[in-house]
Amino acid sequence: MVLARVVQPLVGVPHRFEWAELGQVERHLAELVP
């Protein structure tokens, strides 16, 4: 997962979003980038 590298710094922070939401964002980015 590409976003994993971006999210790693946030691992120490209380989860304000669920991984399901992150999956939706990743899918959205996948649509933007061919």
N, C-alpha and C. Protein backbone atom coordinates (compact mmCIF):
# COMPACT_ATOMS: atom_id res chain seq x y z
N MET A 1 0.85 -1.19 0.00
CA MET A 1 0.00 0.00 0.00
C MET A 1 0.89 1.24 0.00
N VAL A 2 0.70 2.08 -1.00
CA VAL A 2 1.54 3.27 -1.14
C VAL A 2 1.33 4.24 0.02
N LEU A 3 0.08 4.42 0.44
CA LEU A 3 -0.21 5.38 1.51
C LEU A 3 0.39 4.95 2.84
N ALA A 4 0.77 3.68 2.94
CA ALA A 4 1.34 3.19 4.20
C ALA A 4 2.54 4.04 4.60
N ARG A 5 3.33 4.45 3.62
CA ARG A 5 4.52 5.25 3.92
C ARG A 5 4.14 6.63 4.43
N VAL A 6 3.00 7.12 3.96
CA VAL A 6 2.55 8.46 4.38
C VAL A 6 1.90 8.39 5.75
N VAL A 7 1.22 7.28 6.02
CA VAL A 7 0.47 7.14 7.27
C VAL A 7 1.36 6.74 8.44
N GLN A 8 2.50 6.13 8.16
CA GLN A 8 3.38 5.64 9.23
C GLN A 8 3.64 6.69 10.31
N PRO A 9 3.93 7.95 9.94
CA PRO A 9 4.18 8.97 10.97
C PRO A 9 2.95 9.20 11.86
N LEU A 10 1.77 8.82 11.37
CA LEU A 10 0.54 9.07 12.13
C LEU A 10 0.18 7.89 13.03
N VAL A 11 0.97 6.81 12.94
CA VAL A 11 0.65 5.62 13.72
C VAL A 11 0.62 5.92 15.22
N GLY A 12 1.50 6.82 15.66
CA GLY A 12 1.57 7.15 17.08
C GLY A 12 0.38 7.99 17.52
N VAL A 13 -0.30 8.59 16.57
CA VAL A 13 -1.44 9.46 16.89
C VAL A 13 -2.70 8.61 17.03
N PRO A 14 -3.57 8.95 17.99
CA PRO A 14 -4.83 8.22 18.14
C PRO A 14 -5.57 8.16 16.81
N HIS A 15 -6.10 6.99 16.49
CA HIS A 15 -6.76 6.82 15.19
C HIS A 15 -8.05 7.63 15.11
N ARG A 16 -7.99 8.70 14.33
CA ARG A 16 -9.20 9.52 14.15
C ARG A 16 -9.95 9.06 12.92
N PHE A 17 -9.34 8.18 12.14
CA PHE A 17 -10.01 7.62 10.97
C PHE A 17 -9.77 6.12 10.96
N GLU A 18 -10.71 5.40 10.39
CA GLU A 18 -10.56 3.95 10.34
C GLU A 18 -9.84 3.54 9.07
N TRP A 19 -9.25 2.35 9.08
CA TRP A 19 -8.51 1.88 7.90
C TRP A 19 -9.44 1.75 6.71
N ALA A 20 -10.74 1.55 6.98
CA ALA A 20 -11.70 1.44 5.88
C ALA A 20 -11.75 2.76 5.12
N GLU A 21 -11.68 3.87 5.87
CA GLU A 21 -11.71 5.18 5.22
C GLU A 21 -10.44 5.37 4.39
N LEU A 22 -9.32 4.90 4.93
CA LEU A 22 -8.05 5.02 4.21
C LEU A 22 -8.12 4.23 2.91
N GLY A 23 -8.80 3.08 2.97
CA GLY A 23 -8.96 2.25 1.77
C GLY A 23 -9.75 3.00 0.71
N GLN A 24 -10.76 3.76 1.16
CA GLN A 24 -11.57 4.52 0.21
C GLN A 24 -10.72 5.61 -0.43
N VAL A 25 -9.88 6.24 0.36
CA VAL A 25 -9.01 7.30 -0.17
C VAL A 25 -8.03 6.71 -1.16
N GLU A 26 -7.49 5.55 -0.83
CA GLU A 26 -6.52 4.91 -1.72
C GLU A 26 -7.19 4.55 -3.04
N ARG A 27 -8.45 4.08 -2.97
CA ARG A 27 -9.18 3.74 -4.19
C ARG A 27 -9.40 4.99 -5.02
N HIS A 28 -9.71 6.09 -4.34
CA HIS A 28 -9.96 7.35 -5.04
C HIS A 28 -8.69 7.79 -5.77
N LEU A 29 -7.55 7.70 -5.09
CA LEU A 29 -6.28 8.09 -5.71
C LEU A 29 -5.96 7.16 -6.88
N ALA A 30 -6.34 5.90 -6.76
CA ALA A 30 -6.07 4.94 -7.83
C ALA A 30 -6.85 5.35 -9.08
N GLU A 31 -8.02 5.96 -8.88
CA GLU A 31 -8.81 6.41 -10.03
C GLU A 31 -8.18 7.64 -10.66
N LEU A 32 -7.58 8.48 -9.82
CA LEU A 32 -6.97 9.71 -10.35
C LEU A 32 -5.68 9.42 -11.10
N VAL A 33 -4.94 8.41 -10.61
CA VAL A 33 -3.66 8.08 -11.25
C VAL A 33 -3.81 6.80 -12.07
N PRO A 34 -3.73 6.90 -13.39
CA PRO A 34 -3.87 5.74 -14.27
C PRO A 34 -2.83 4.67 -13.96
